[in-house]
Amino acid sequence: MSDGARQPAGWPGGRGRGWAGGRGRGWAGGRFRSPLGDGEEQVIQQSTAPAQAAPAKAKANAKAKAKANANATGWRGAAERAGEVGAQWAPTVGRVLLGLVLAWFGYHELLLPGEWTGYVPVINETSNLAIIAVLVHGWLLFVLAVALVAGIAPRVSAAISSILLLEIVVSLSVNGLSNDSLRDLGVLGLAVCLTGCRNQRLVLRG
């Protein structure tokens, strides 16, 4: 065959729409065409896009939630630790403050006993016996104050202080409640609470 015009239509190199070099849309020379149409491919891509974005959005939400939980846990943990420290040191702080209050009144009773004889029940305030009672009371307050601050038998010292403060509250409340009696009533409550505190810090001798 010398004439290419007589070659079959599907022959390579011919002018027909062959499978290799023709102008048709074969598998070798043309663009691959999906069995689905262009419109159907676009619909599938649009439908799968939200499904692909859903895991990323869920991951971002989980990360934000984990961060919020971490912040909440941090604040909650700090508050719990502060509460534990307060529970451990609160009896010690109360004990020292009670000791300072007793030391203050004991010091003034020892320094100026004549100004305190009016609080001595039954005994005449102008008598020497009232002054002696004030001095004894002042020394007892001062000794208890030192024991409480130093942590020497803190529960026993708090119990004795409770009895002494009860006597003061009763003697001040004979003629009715006053600012002084209510103040000493609060101090009495502190002393009573300290008698039940077993674990205390800064204690020399339990």
N, C-alpha and C. Protein backbone atom coordinates (compact mmCIF):
# COMPACT_ATOMS: atom_id res chain seq x y z
N MET A 1 0.84 -1.18 0.00
CA MET A 1 0.00 0.00 0.00
C MET A 1 0.87 1.22 0.00
N SER A 2 0.77 1.99 -1.05
CA SER A 2 1.55 3.21 -1.14
C SER A 2 0.74 4.43 -0.85
N ASP A 3 -0.54 4.28 -0.88
CA ASP A 3 -1.40 5.43 -0.67
C ASP A 3 -2.00 5.36 0.72
N GLY A 4 -1.71 6.39 1.52
CA GLY A 4 -2.25 6.40 2.88
C GLY A 4 -3.71 6.62 2.96
N ALA A 5 -4.31 7.05 1.84
CA ALA A 5 -5.75 7.32 1.87
C ALA A 5 -6.55 6.08 1.99
N ARG A 6 -5.93 4.89 1.58
CA ARG A 6 -6.68 3.66 1.64
C ARG A 6 -6.48 2.92 2.96
N GLN A 7 -5.78 3.51 3.87
CA GLN A 7 -5.59 2.86 5.17
C GLN A 7 -6.89 2.89 5.97
N PRO A 8 -7.06 1.91 6.76
CA PRO A 8 -8.30 1.89 7.55
C PRO A 8 -8.40 3.09 8.48
N ALA A 9 -9.66 3.32 8.86
CA ALA A 9 -9.89 4.53 9.67
C ALA A 9 -9.25 4.42 11.03
N GLY A 10 -9.11 3.23 11.58
CA GLY A 10 -8.54 3.08 12.91
C GLY A 10 -7.07 2.83 12.93
N TRP A 11 -6.42 2.83 11.74
CA TRP A 11 -4.99 2.52 11.65
C TRP A 11 -4.16 3.63 12.25
N PRO A 12 -3.05 3.30 12.93
CA PRO A 12 -2.22 4.36 13.50
C PRO A 12 -1.69 5.28 12.43
N GLY A 13 -1.82 6.57 12.67
CA GLY A 13 -1.33 7.56 11.71
C GLY A 13 -2.37 7.97 10.73
N GLY A 14 -3.48 7.28 10.63
CA GLY A 14 -4.50 7.64 9.68
C GLY A 14 -5.24 8.89 10.09
N ARG A 15 -6.15 9.32 9.23
CA ARG A 15 -6.90 10.53 9.49
C ARG A 15 -8.18 10.28 10.25
N GLY A 16 -8.45 9.03 10.49
CA GLY A 16 -9.66 8.73 11.23
C GLY A 16 -9.49 8.95 12.72
N ARG A 17 -10.48 8.60 13.42
CA ARG A 17 -10.45 8.77 14.87
C ARG A 17 -9.93 7.50 15.50
N GLY A 18 -8.60 7.32 15.35
CA GLY A 18 -7.97 6.11 15.84
C GLY A 18 -7.78 6.16 17.35
N TRP A 19 -7.26 5.03 17.83
CA TRP A 19 -7.12 4.91 19.29
C TRP A 19 -5.84 5.54 19.79
N ALA A 20 -4.85 5.81 18.88
CA ALA A 20 -3.58 6.33 19.34
C ALA A 20 -3.38 7.78 18.98
N GLY A 21 -3.49 8.14 17.74
CA GLY A 21 -3.10 9.48 17.33
C GLY A 21 -4.24 10.30 16.81
N GLY A 22 -5.45 9.78 16.84
CA GLY A 22 -6.56 10.52 16.29
C GLY A 22 -6.98 11.68 17.16
N ARG A 23 -7.98 12.40 16.63
CA ARG A 23 -8.48 13.56 17.36
C ARG A 23 -9.62 13.21 18.30
N GLY A 24 -9.94 11.96 18.36
CA GLY A 24 -11.01 11.57 19.26
C GLY A 24 -10.58 11.55 20.72
N ARG A 25 -11.48 11.23 21.57
CA ARG A 25 -11.21 11.23 23.01
C ARG A 25 -10.95 9.81 23.47
N GLY A 26 -9.84 9.25 22.96
CA GLY A 26 -9.44 7.91 23.36
C GLY A 26 -8.72 7.95 24.70
N TRP A 27 -8.35 6.74 25.13
CA TRP A 27 -7.71 6.68 26.47
C TRP A 27 -6.26 7.11 26.42
N ALA A 28 -5.63 7.13 25.22
CA ALA A 28 -4.22 7.50 25.12
C ALA A 28 -4.05 8.96 24.79
N GLY A 29 -4.80 9.48 23.86
CA GLY A 29 -4.56 10.84 23.41
C GLY A 29 -5.48 11.87 24.02
N GLY A 30 -6.62 11.47 24.54
CA GLY A 30 -7.57 12.44 25.05
C GLY A 30 -7.58 12.53 26.57
N ARG A 31 -8.38 13.44 27.13
CA ARG A 31 -8.53 13.62 28.58
C ARG A 31 -9.45 12.56 29.12
N PHE A 32 -9.04 11.99 30.30
CA PHE A 32 -9.88 10.95 30.88
C PHE A 32 -11.20 11.55 31.33
N ARG A 33 -12.21 10.86 31.01
CA ARG A 33 -13.55 11.35 31.32
C ARG A 33 -14.20 10.41 32.30
N SER A 34 -14.68 10.96 33.39
CA SER A 34 -15.35 10.16 34.41
C SER A 34 -16.66 9.65 33.87
N PRO A 35 -17.04 8.46 34.29
CA PRO A 35 -18.36 7.98 33.84
C PRO A 35 -19.49 8.87 34.31
N LEU A 36 -19.24 9.67 35.36
CA LEU A 36 -20.25 10.62 35.83
C LEU A 36 -20.09 11.93 35.08
N GLY A 37 -21.11 12.68 34.98
CA GLY A 37 -21.04 13.96 34.31
C GLY A 37 -20.37 15.02 35.17
N ASP A 38 -20.06 16.17 34.55
CA ASP A 38 -19.41 17.27 35.29
C ASP A 38 -20.31 17.77 36.41
N GLY A 39 -21.57 17.86 36.15
CA GLY A 39 -22.50 18.34 37.18
C GLY A 39 -22.57 17.39 38.35
N GLU A 40 -22.53 16.10 38.10
CA GLU A 40 -22.60 15.13 39.18
C GLU A 40 -21.31 15.15 40.00
N GLU A 41 -20.14 15.33 39.33
CA GLU A 41 -18.88 15.42 40.07
C GLU A 41 -18.88 16.64 40.99
N GLN A 42 -19.40 17.77 40.52
CA GLN A 42 -19.45 18.97 41.36
C GLN A 42 -20.34 18.77 42.57
N VAL A 43 -21.46 18.09 42.37
CA VAL A 43 -22.36 17.82 43.49
C VAL A 43 -21.69 16.93 44.51
N ILE A 44 -20.92 15.92 44.07
CA ILE A 44 -20.23 15.01 45.00
C ILE A 44 -19.16 15.76 45.78
N GLN A 45 -18.41 16.65 45.08
CA GLN A 45 -17.38 17.41 45.77
C GLN A 45 -17.99 18.33 46.83
N GLN A 46 -19.11 18.98 46.51
CA GLN A 46 -19.78 19.86 47.47
C GLN A 46 -20.33 19.09 48.66
N SER A 47 -20.79 17.87 48.41
CA SER A 47 -21.36 17.08 49.50
C SER A 47 -20.29 16.52 50.42
N THR A 48 -19.09 16.24 49.88
CA THR A 48 -18.01 15.69 50.71
C THR A 48 -17.21 16.77 51.42
N ALA A 49 -17.31 18.04 50.98
CA ALA A 49 -16.54 19.12 51.62
C ALA A 49 -16.93 19.31 53.08
N PRO A 50 -18.24 19.42 53.44
CA PRO A 50 -18.56 19.54 54.87
C PRO A 50 -18.11 18.35 55.69
N ALA A 51 -18.18 17.15 55.09
CA ALA A 51 -17.74 15.96 55.83
C ALA A 51 -16.26 16.00 56.12
N GLN A 52 -15.46 16.59 55.19
CA GLN A 52 -14.03 16.72 55.43
C GLN A 52 -13.73 17.82 56.43
N ALA A 53 -14.56 18.89 56.46
CA ALA A 53 -14.33 20.00 57.40
C ALA A 53 -14.80 19.67 58.81
N ALA A 54 -15.71 18.71 58.94
CA ALA A 54 -16.24 18.37 60.26
C ALA A 54 -15.18 17.89 61.23
N PRO A 55 -14.26 16.98 60.85
CA PRO A 55 -13.22 16.55 61.79
C PRO A 55 -12.33 17.70 62.25
N ALA A 56 -11.99 18.63 61.34
CA ALA A 56 -11.15 19.76 61.73
C ALA A 56 -11.87 20.65 62.73
N LYS A 57 -13.16 20.89 62.51
CA LYS A 57 -13.93 21.72 63.45
C LYS A 57 -14.07 21.05 64.79
N ALA A 58 -14.32 19.74 64.78
CA ALA A 58 -14.43 19.01 66.04
C ALA A 58 -13.11 19.02 66.79
N LYS A 59 -12.01 18.92 66.05
CA LYS A 59 -10.68 18.95 66.69
C LYS A 59 -10.41 20.30 67.33
N ALA A 60 -10.81 21.39 66.63
CA ALA A 60 -10.63 22.74 67.18
C ALA A 60 -11.48 22.94 68.43
N ASN A 61 -12.73 22.46 68.39
CA ASN A 61 -13.60 22.57 69.56
C ASN A 61 -13.05 21.78 70.75
N ALA A 62 -12.53 20.58 70.47
CA ALA A 62 -11.96 19.77 71.55
C ALA A 62 -10.73 20.44 72.15
N LYS A 63 -9.93 21.07 71.30
CA LYS A 63 -8.75 21.76 71.80
C LYS A 63 -9.13 22.94 72.67
N ALA A 64 -10.13 23.72 72.24
CA ALA A 64 -10.58 24.86 73.03
C ALA A 64 -11.18 24.42 74.37
N LYS A 65 -11.94 23.32 74.32
CA LYS A 65 -12.54 22.80 75.55
C LYS A 65 -11.47 22.29 76.51
N ALA A 66 -10.45 21.64 75.98
CA ALA A 66 -9.36 21.16 76.83
C ALA A 66 -8.61 22.32 77.46
N LYS A 67 -8.42 23.41 76.70
CA LYS A 67 -7.74 24.58 77.25
C LYS A 67 -8.56 25.21 78.36
N ALA A 68 -9.89 25.32 78.16
CA ALA A 68 -10.76 25.87 79.19
C ALA A 68 -10.75 25.02 80.45
N ASN A 69 -10.79 23.70 80.26
CA ASN A 69 -10.74 22.79 81.41
C ASN A 69 -9.41 22.91 82.15
N ALA A 70 -8.33 23.10 81.40
CA ALA A 70 -7.03 23.25 82.04
C ALA A 70 -6.97 24.52 82.88
N ASN A 71 -7.55 25.62 82.34
CA ASN A 71 -7.57 26.87 83.11
C ASN A 71 -8.43 26.72 84.36
N ALA A 72 -9.61 26.08 84.21
CA ALA A 72 -10.47 25.88 85.37
C ALA A 72 -9.81 25.00 86.41
N THR A 73 -9.14 23.94 85.93
CA THR A 73 -8.44 23.05 86.85
C THR A 73 -7.31 23.77 87.56
N GLY A 74 -6.63 24.66 86.85
CA GLY A 74 -5.56 25.42 87.47
C GLY A 74 -6.05 26.31 88.60
N TRP A 75 -7.13 27.06 88.35
CA TRP A 75 -7.68 27.93 89.40
C TRP A 75 -8.24 27.10 90.55
N ARG A 76 -8.93 26.00 90.22
CA ARG A 76 -9.49 25.16 91.26
C ARG A 76 -8.39 24.51 92.10
N GLY A 77 -7.34 24.08 91.43
CA GLY A 77 -6.22 23.48 92.15
C GLY A 77 -5.53 24.48 93.06
N ALA A 78 -5.38 25.73 92.57
CA ALA A 78 -4.76 26.75 93.41
C ALA A 78 -5.62 27.06 94.63
N ALA A 79 -6.95 27.11 94.42
CA ALA A 79 -7.84 27.38 95.56
C ALA A 79 -7.81 26.24 96.57
N GLU A 80 -7.73 25.00 96.07
CA GLU A 80 -7.67 23.86 96.99
C GLU A 80 -6.37 23.85 97.78
N ARG A 81 -5.26 24.18 97.10
CA ARG A 81 -3.99 24.23 97.81
C ARG A 81 -3.98 25.34 98.86
N ALA A 82 -4.57 26.51 98.51
CA ALA A 82 -4.66 27.60 99.47
C ALA A 82 -5.53 27.20 100.67
N GLY A 83 -6.61 26.46 100.40
CA GLY A 83 -7.45 25.99 101.50
C GLY A 83 -6.74 25.01 102.41
N GLU A 84 -5.93 24.14 101.80
CA GLU A 84 -5.17 23.18 102.62
C GLU A 84 -4.13 23.89 103.50
N VAL A 85 -3.46 24.89 102.92
CA VAL A 85 -2.48 25.64 103.71
C VAL A 85 -3.17 26.41 104.83
N GLY A 86 -4.34 27.01 104.51
CA GLY A 86 -5.08 27.73 105.54
C GLY A 86 -5.54 26.81 106.66
N ALA A 87 -5.99 25.60 106.30
CA ALA A 87 -6.44 24.65 107.33
C ALA A 87 -5.29 24.20 108.22
N GLN A 88 -4.09 24.13 107.66
CA GLN A 88 -2.94 23.70 108.45
C GLN A 88 -2.44 24.79 109.40
N TRP A 89 -2.51 26.04 108.94
CA TRP A 89 -1.92 27.12 109.73
C TRP A 89 -2.94 27.94 110.51
N ALA A 90 -4.23 27.77 110.26
CA ALA A 90 -5.25 28.55 110.97
C ALA A 90 -5.20 28.36 112.48
N PRO A 91 -5.08 27.12 113.01
CA PRO A 91 -4.99 26.97 114.46
C PRO A 91 -3.77 27.67 115.06
N THR A 92 -2.66 27.66 114.34
CA THR A 92 -1.46 28.31 114.85
C THR A 92 -1.64 29.83 114.89
N VAL A 93 -2.23 30.37 113.83
CA VAL A 93 -2.47 31.82 113.80
C VAL A 93 -3.43 32.23 114.90
N GLY A 94 -4.52 31.46 115.08
CA GLY A 94 -5.47 31.76 116.16
C GLY A 94 -4.84 31.66 117.53
N ARG A 95 -3.98 30.68 117.70
CA ARG A 95 -3.32 30.50 119.00
C ARG A 95 -2.40 31.68 119.32
N VAL A 96 -1.64 32.13 118.33
CA VAL A 96 -0.72 33.26 118.55
C VAL A 96 -1.51 34.54 118.82
N LEU A 97 -2.60 34.75 118.07
CA LEU A 97 -3.41 35.95 118.29
C LEU A 97 -4.05 35.95 119.67
N LEU A 98 -4.54 34.79 120.09
CA LEU A 98 -5.10 34.69 121.44
C LEU A 98 -4.03 34.99 122.49
N GLY A 99 -2.83 34.47 122.28
CA GLY A 99 -1.74 34.76 123.21
C GLY A 99 -1.41 36.24 123.28
N LEU A 100 -1.44 36.93 122.14
CA LEU A 100 -1.15 38.37 122.14
C LEU A 100 -2.23 39.15 122.89
N VAL A 101 -3.48 38.75 122.74
CA VAL A 101 -4.57 39.42 123.47
C VAL A 101 -4.39 39.24 124.98
N LEU A 102 -4.10 38.01 125.40
CA LEU A 102 -3.91 37.77 126.84
C LEU A 102 -2.68 38.50 127.36
N ALA A 103 -1.62 38.55 126.56
CA ALA A 103 -0.42 39.26 126.98
C ALA A 103 -0.69 40.76 127.13
N TRP A 104 -1.49 41.31 126.27
CA TRP A 104 -1.81 42.74 126.34
C TRP A 104 -2.54 43.08 127.64
N PHE A 105 -3.57 42.32 127.96
CA PHE A 105 -4.34 42.61 129.18
C PHE A 105 -3.53 42.24 130.42
N GLY A 106 -2.77 41.14 130.36
CA GLY A 106 -1.94 40.79 131.51
C GLY A 106 -0.89 41.84 131.81
N TYR A 107 -0.30 42.39 130.78
CA TYR A 107 0.71 43.44 130.97
C TYR A 107 0.12 44.67 131.63
N HIS A 108 -1.04 45.10 131.19
CA HIS A 108 -1.65 46.29 131.76
C HIS A 108 -2.15 46.04 133.18
N GLU A 109 -2.58 44.83 133.48
CA GLU A 109 -2.99 44.54 134.85
C GLU A 109 -1.78 44.53 135.80
N LEU A 110 -0.66 44.07 135.30
CA LEU A 110 0.55 44.10 136.13
C LEU A 110 1.12 45.51 136.25
N LEU A 111 0.96 46.29 135.22
CA LEU A 111 1.52 47.64 135.22
C LEU A 111 0.69 48.61 136.06
N LEU A 112 -0.61 48.57 135.91
CA LEU A 112 -1.52 49.48 136.62
C LEU A 112 -2.66 48.67 137.25
N PRO A 113 -2.38 47.95 138.32
CA PRO A 113 -3.43 47.11 138.91
C PRO A 113 -4.59 47.91 139.51
N GLY A 114 -4.32 49.15 139.95
CA GLY A 114 -5.38 49.95 140.56
C GLY A 114 -6.50 50.29 139.60
N GLU A 115 -6.22 50.29 138.31
CA GLU A 115 -7.27 50.62 137.33
C GLU A 115 -8.15 49.42 136.99
N TRP A 116 -7.82 48.25 137.52
CA TRP A 116 -8.57 47.05 137.20
C TRP A 116 -9.29 46.45 138.40
N THR A 117 -9.16 47.09 139.54
CA THR A 117 -9.79 46.54 140.74
C THR A 117 -11.32 46.61 140.68
N GLY A 118 -11.85 47.49 139.85
CA GLY A 118 -13.30 47.58 139.73
C GLY A 118 -13.93 46.37 139.06
N TYR A 119 -13.13 45.56 138.37
CA TYR A 119 -13.65 44.36 137.72
C TYR A 119 -13.59 43.13 138.63
N VAL A 120 -13.00 43.29 139.79
CA VAL A 120 -12.90 42.14 140.71
C VAL A 120 -14.25 41.97 141.40
N PRO A 121 -14.88 40.80 141.26
CA PRO A 121 -16.19 40.62 141.91
C PRO A 121 -16.05 40.41 143.41
N VAL A 122 -17.11 40.81 144.13
CA VAL A 122 -17.28 40.58 145.57
C VAL A 122 -16.35 41.46 146.40
N ILE A 123 -15.07 41.48 146.06
CA ILE A 123 -14.09 42.19 146.88
C ILE A 123 -14.21 43.69 146.63
N ASN A 124 -14.00 44.47 147.69
CA ASN A 124 -14.03 45.93 147.61
C ASN A 124 -12.87 46.40 146.73
N GLU A 125 -13.17 47.24 145.77
CA GLU A 125 -12.16 47.64 144.81
C GLU A 125 -11.08 48.53 145.40
N THR A 126 -11.32 49.11 146.55
CA THR A 126 -10.31 49.97 147.18
C THR A 126 -9.39 49.22 148.14
N SER A 127 -9.65 47.94 148.32
CA SER A 127 -8.85 47.17 149.27
C SER A 127 -7.59 46.64 148.61
N ASN A 128 -6.62 46.32 149.48
CA ASN A 128 -5.38 45.72 148.98
C ASN A 128 -5.61 44.32 148.41
N LEU A 129 -6.63 43.65 148.92
CA LEU A 129 -6.93 42.31 148.44
C LEU A 129 -7.35 42.35 146.97
N ALA A 130 -8.05 43.41 146.58
CA ALA A 130 -8.45 43.55 145.17
C ALA A 130 -7.22 43.77 144.28
N ILE A 131 -6.25 44.54 144.78
CA ILE A 131 -5.02 44.76 144.01
C ILE A 131 -4.24 43.45 143.86
N ILE A 132 -4.18 42.67 144.93
CA ILE A 132 -3.49 41.38 144.85
C ILE A 132 -4.19 40.46 143.86
N ALA A 133 -5.51 40.46 143.88
CA ALA A 133 -6.26 39.62 142.94
C ALA A 133 -5.98 40.04 141.49
N VAL A 134 -5.89 41.34 141.25
CA VAL A 134 -5.58 41.82 139.91
C VAL A 134 -4.17 41.40 139.49
N LEU A 135 -3.21 41.49 140.40
CA LEU A 135 -1.84 41.09 140.07
C LEU A 135 -1.74 39.60 139.76
N VAL A 136 -2.43 38.79 140.55
CA VAL A 136 -2.43 37.35 140.28
C VAL A 136 -3.07 37.05 138.93
N HIS A 137 -4.17 37.74 138.68
CA HIS A 137 -4.86 37.56 137.40
C HIS A 137 -3.97 37.98 136.25
N GLY A 138 -3.24 39.08 136.42
CA GLY A 138 -2.35 39.56 135.36
C GLY A 138 -1.22 38.58 135.08
N TRP A 139 -0.63 38.04 136.16
CA TRP A 139 0.44 37.06 135.97
C TRP A 139 -0.08 35.79 135.28
N LEU A 140 -1.25 35.36 135.65
CA LEU A 140 -1.82 34.17 135.01
C LEU A 140 -2.07 34.40 133.53
N LEU A 141 -2.59 35.59 133.19
CA LEU A 141 -2.80 35.91 131.78
C LEU A 141 -1.47 35.94 131.02
N PHE A 142 -0.46 36.51 131.64
CA PHE A 142 0.83 36.63 130.96
C PHE A 142 1.48 35.26 130.75
N VAL A 143 1.39 34.39 131.75
CA VAL A 143 1.96 33.04 131.60
C VAL A 143 1.23 32.26 130.50
N LEU A 144 -0.08 32.34 130.50
CA LEU A 144 -0.84 31.66 129.45
C LEU A 144 -0.51 32.23 128.06
N ALA A 145 -0.29 33.53 127.99
CA ALA A 145 0.07 34.14 126.71
C ALA A 145 1.39 33.60 126.19
N VAL A 146 2.38 33.50 127.07
CA VAL A 146 3.68 32.97 126.66
C VAL A 146 3.54 31.52 126.20
N ALA A 147 2.77 30.72 126.93
CA ALA A 147 2.59 29.32 126.56
C ALA A 147 1.90 29.17 125.21
N LEU A 148 0.92 30.01 124.95
CA LEU A 148 0.21 29.92 123.67
C LEU A 148 1.09 30.35 122.51
N VAL A 149 1.80 31.43 122.67
CA VAL A 149 2.64 31.92 121.57
C VAL A 149 3.79 30.96 121.30
N ALA A 150 4.39 30.43 122.36
CA ALA A 150 5.52 29.52 122.20
C ALA A 150 5.09 28.11 121.82
N GLY A 151 3.83 27.77 121.98
CA GLY A 151 3.36 26.44 121.64
C GLY A 151 3.67 25.41 122.70
N ILE A 152 3.65 25.80 123.96
CA ILE A 152 3.90 24.89 125.08
C ILE A 152 2.55 24.39 125.58
N ALA A 153 2.29 23.10 125.39
CA ALA A 153 1.00 22.51 125.77
C ALA A 153 -0.14 23.41 125.29
N PRO A 154 -0.28 23.60 123.98
CA PRO A 154 -1.25 24.58 123.47
C PRO A 154 -2.69 24.26 123.82
N ARG A 155 -3.06 22.98 123.81
CA ARG A 155 -4.45 22.64 124.11
C ARG A 155 -4.77 22.85 125.58
N VAL A 156 -3.84 22.50 126.44
CA VAL A 156 -4.05 22.72 127.87
C VAL A 156 -4.10 24.22 128.17
N SER A 157 -3.19 24.97 127.54
CA SER A 157 -3.18 26.42 127.74
C SER A 157 -4.48 27.05 127.23
N ALA A 158 -4.99 26.56 126.11
CA ALA A 158 -6.25 27.08 125.58
C ALA A 158 -7.41 26.72 126.50
N ALA A 159 -7.38 25.53 127.09
CA ALA A 159 -8.46 25.14 128.01
C ALA A 159 -8.47 26.02 129.26
N ILE A 160 -7.29 26.27 129.84
CA ILE A 160 -7.21 27.15 131.02
C ILE A 160 -7.63 28.57 130.65
N SER A 161 -7.23 29.01 129.47
CA SER A 161 -7.65 30.35 129.01
C SER A 161 -9.16 30.42 128.85
N SER A 162 -9.78 29.34 128.41
CA SER A 162 -11.24 29.32 128.26
C SER A 162 -11.92 29.50 129.61
N ILE A 163 -11.42 28.82 130.63
CA ILE A 163 -12.01 28.96 131.97
C ILE A 163 -11.84 30.38 132.49
N LEU A 164 -10.64 30.94 132.28
CA LEU A 164 -10.37 32.30 132.74
C LEU A 164 -11.22 33.33 132.01
N LEU A 165 -11.36 33.15 130.72
CA LEU A 165 -12.18 34.08 129.93
C LEU A 165 -13.66 33.93 130.26
N LEU A 166 -14.11 32.72 130.57
CA LEU A 166 -15.50 32.54 130.98
C LEU A 166 -15.78 33.30 132.26
N GLU A 167 -14.84 33.26 133.19
CA GLU A 167 -15.00 34.03 134.43
C GLU A 167 -15.07 35.52 134.15
N ILE A 168 -14.27 35.99 133.19
CA ILE A 168 -14.29 37.42 132.85
C ILE A 168 -15.62 37.80 132.21
N VAL A 169 -16.12 36.97 131.29
CA VAL A 169 -17.39 37.27 130.62
C VAL A 169 -18.54 37.29 131.62
N VAL A 170 -18.56 36.34 132.54
CA VAL A 170 -19.63 36.29 133.54
C VAL A 170 -19.58 37.52 134.44
N SER A 171 -18.39 37.90 134.90
CA SER A 171 -18.27 39.06 135.78
C SER A 171 -18.64 40.36 135.08
N LEU A 172 -18.36 40.44 133.77
CA LEU A 172 -18.72 41.65 133.02
C LEU A 172 -20.19 41.69 132.65
N SER A 173 -20.85 40.53 132.61
CA SER A 173 -22.24 40.47 132.19
C SER A 173 -23.21 40.49 133.36
N VAL A 174 -22.71 40.67 134.59
CA VAL A 174 -23.60 40.69 135.75
C VAL A 174 -24.57 41.86 135.66
N ASN A 175 -24.08 42.99 135.25
CA ASN A 175 -24.91 44.19 135.14
C ASN A 175 -25.46 44.39 133.73
N GLY A 176 -25.43 43.35 132.90
CA GLY A 176 -25.93 43.46 131.52
C GLY A 176 -24.80 43.37 130.51
N LEU A 177 -25.20 43.09 129.29
CA LEU A 177 -24.22 42.97 128.22
C LEU A 177 -23.64 44.34 127.86
N SER A 178 -22.38 44.32 127.52
CA SER A 178 -21.68 45.54 127.13
C SER A 178 -20.73 45.21 125.98
N ASN A 179 -20.09 46.24 125.47
CA ASN A 179 -19.13 46.02 124.39
C ASN A 179 -17.96 45.16 124.85
N ASP A 180 -17.52 45.36 126.09
CA ASP A 180 -16.40 44.58 126.61
C ASP A 180 -16.77 43.11 126.78
N SER A 181 -17.98 42.86 127.28
CA SER A 181 -18.38 41.46 127.50
C SER A 181 -18.55 40.72 126.17
N LEU A 182 -19.11 41.39 125.16
CA LEU A 182 -19.27 40.75 123.86
C LEU A 182 -17.91 40.52 123.19
N ARG A 183 -16.98 41.45 123.38
CA ARG A 183 -15.63 41.25 122.84
C ARG A 183 -14.97 40.04 123.48
N ASP A 184 -15.05 39.96 124.80
CA ASP A 184 -14.44 38.83 125.49
C ASP A 184 -15.16 37.52 125.19
N LEU A 185 -16.45 37.60 124.85
CA LEU A 185 -17.18 36.40 124.45
C LEU A 185 -16.61 35.83 123.14
N GLY A 186 -16.25 36.69 122.21
CA GLY A 186 -15.61 36.23 120.97
C GLY A 186 -14.24 35.62 121.23
N VAL A 187 -13.48 36.24 122.14
CA VAL A 187 -12.17 35.68 122.49
C VAL A 187 -12.35 34.32 123.17
N LEU A 188 -13.39 34.20 123.99
CA LEU A 188 -13.68 32.92 124.62
C LEU A 188 -13.98 31.85 123.58
N GLY A 189 -14.74 32.20 122.55
CA GLY A 189 -15.02 31.24 121.48
C GLY A 189 -13.76 30.77 120.78
N LEU A 190 -12.82 31.68 120.56
CA LEU A 190 -11.55 31.29 119.95
C LEU A 190 -10.78 30.33 120.83
N ALA A 191 -10.75 30.60 122.13
CA ALA A 191 -10.04 29.70 123.05
C ALA A 191 -10.68 28.32 123.09
N VAL A 192 -12.00 28.26 123.06
CA VAL A 192 -12.69 26.97 123.08
C VAL A 192 -12.37 26.18 121.81
N CYS A 193 -12.36 26.86 120.67
CA CYS A 193 -12.03 26.16 119.41
C CYS A 193 -10.62 25.61 119.42
N LEU A 194 -9.69 26.33 120.03
CA LEU A 194 -8.30 25.90 120.05
C LEU A 194 -8.09 24.67 120.93
N THR A 195 -8.98 24.46 121.86
CA THR A 195 -8.83 23.27 122.71
C THR A 195 -9.04 21.97 121.93
N GLY A 196 -9.72 22.04 120.79
CA GLY A 196 -9.98 20.83 120.00
C GLY A 196 -9.04 20.66 118.83
N CYS A 197 -8.09 21.56 118.64
CA CYS A 197 -7.14 21.47 117.52
C CYS A 197 -5.94 20.63 117.92
N ARG A 198 -5.85 19.43 117.36
CA ARG A 198 -4.77 18.53 117.72
C ARG A 198 -3.48 18.82 116.95
N ASN A 199 -3.59 19.02 115.65
CA ASN A 199 -2.41 19.23 114.81
C ASN A 199 -2.18 20.71 114.64
N GLN A 200 -1.11 21.20 115.26
CA GLN A 200 -0.76 22.60 115.18
C GLN A 200 0.71 22.76 114.79
N ARG A 201 1.01 23.83 114.11
CA ARG A 201 2.38 24.13 113.71
C ARG A 201 3.06 24.99 114.78
N LEU A 202 4.38 24.99 114.71
CA LEU A 202 5.19 25.80 115.63
C LEU A 202 4.90 25.48 117.09
N VAL A 203 4.93 24.23 117.42
CA VAL A 203 4.65 23.77 118.77
C VAL A 203 5.96 23.25 119.39
N LEU A 204 6.31 23.77 120.56
CA LEU A 204 7.51 23.29 121.26
C LEU A 204 7.23 21.99 122.01
N ARG A 205 6.05 21.94 122.61
CA ARG A 205 5.69 20.75 123.37
C ARG A 205 4.19 20.59 123.35
N GLY A 206 3.72 19.45 122.82
CA GLY A 206 2.28 19.23 122.73
C GLY A 206 1.70 18.82 124.04
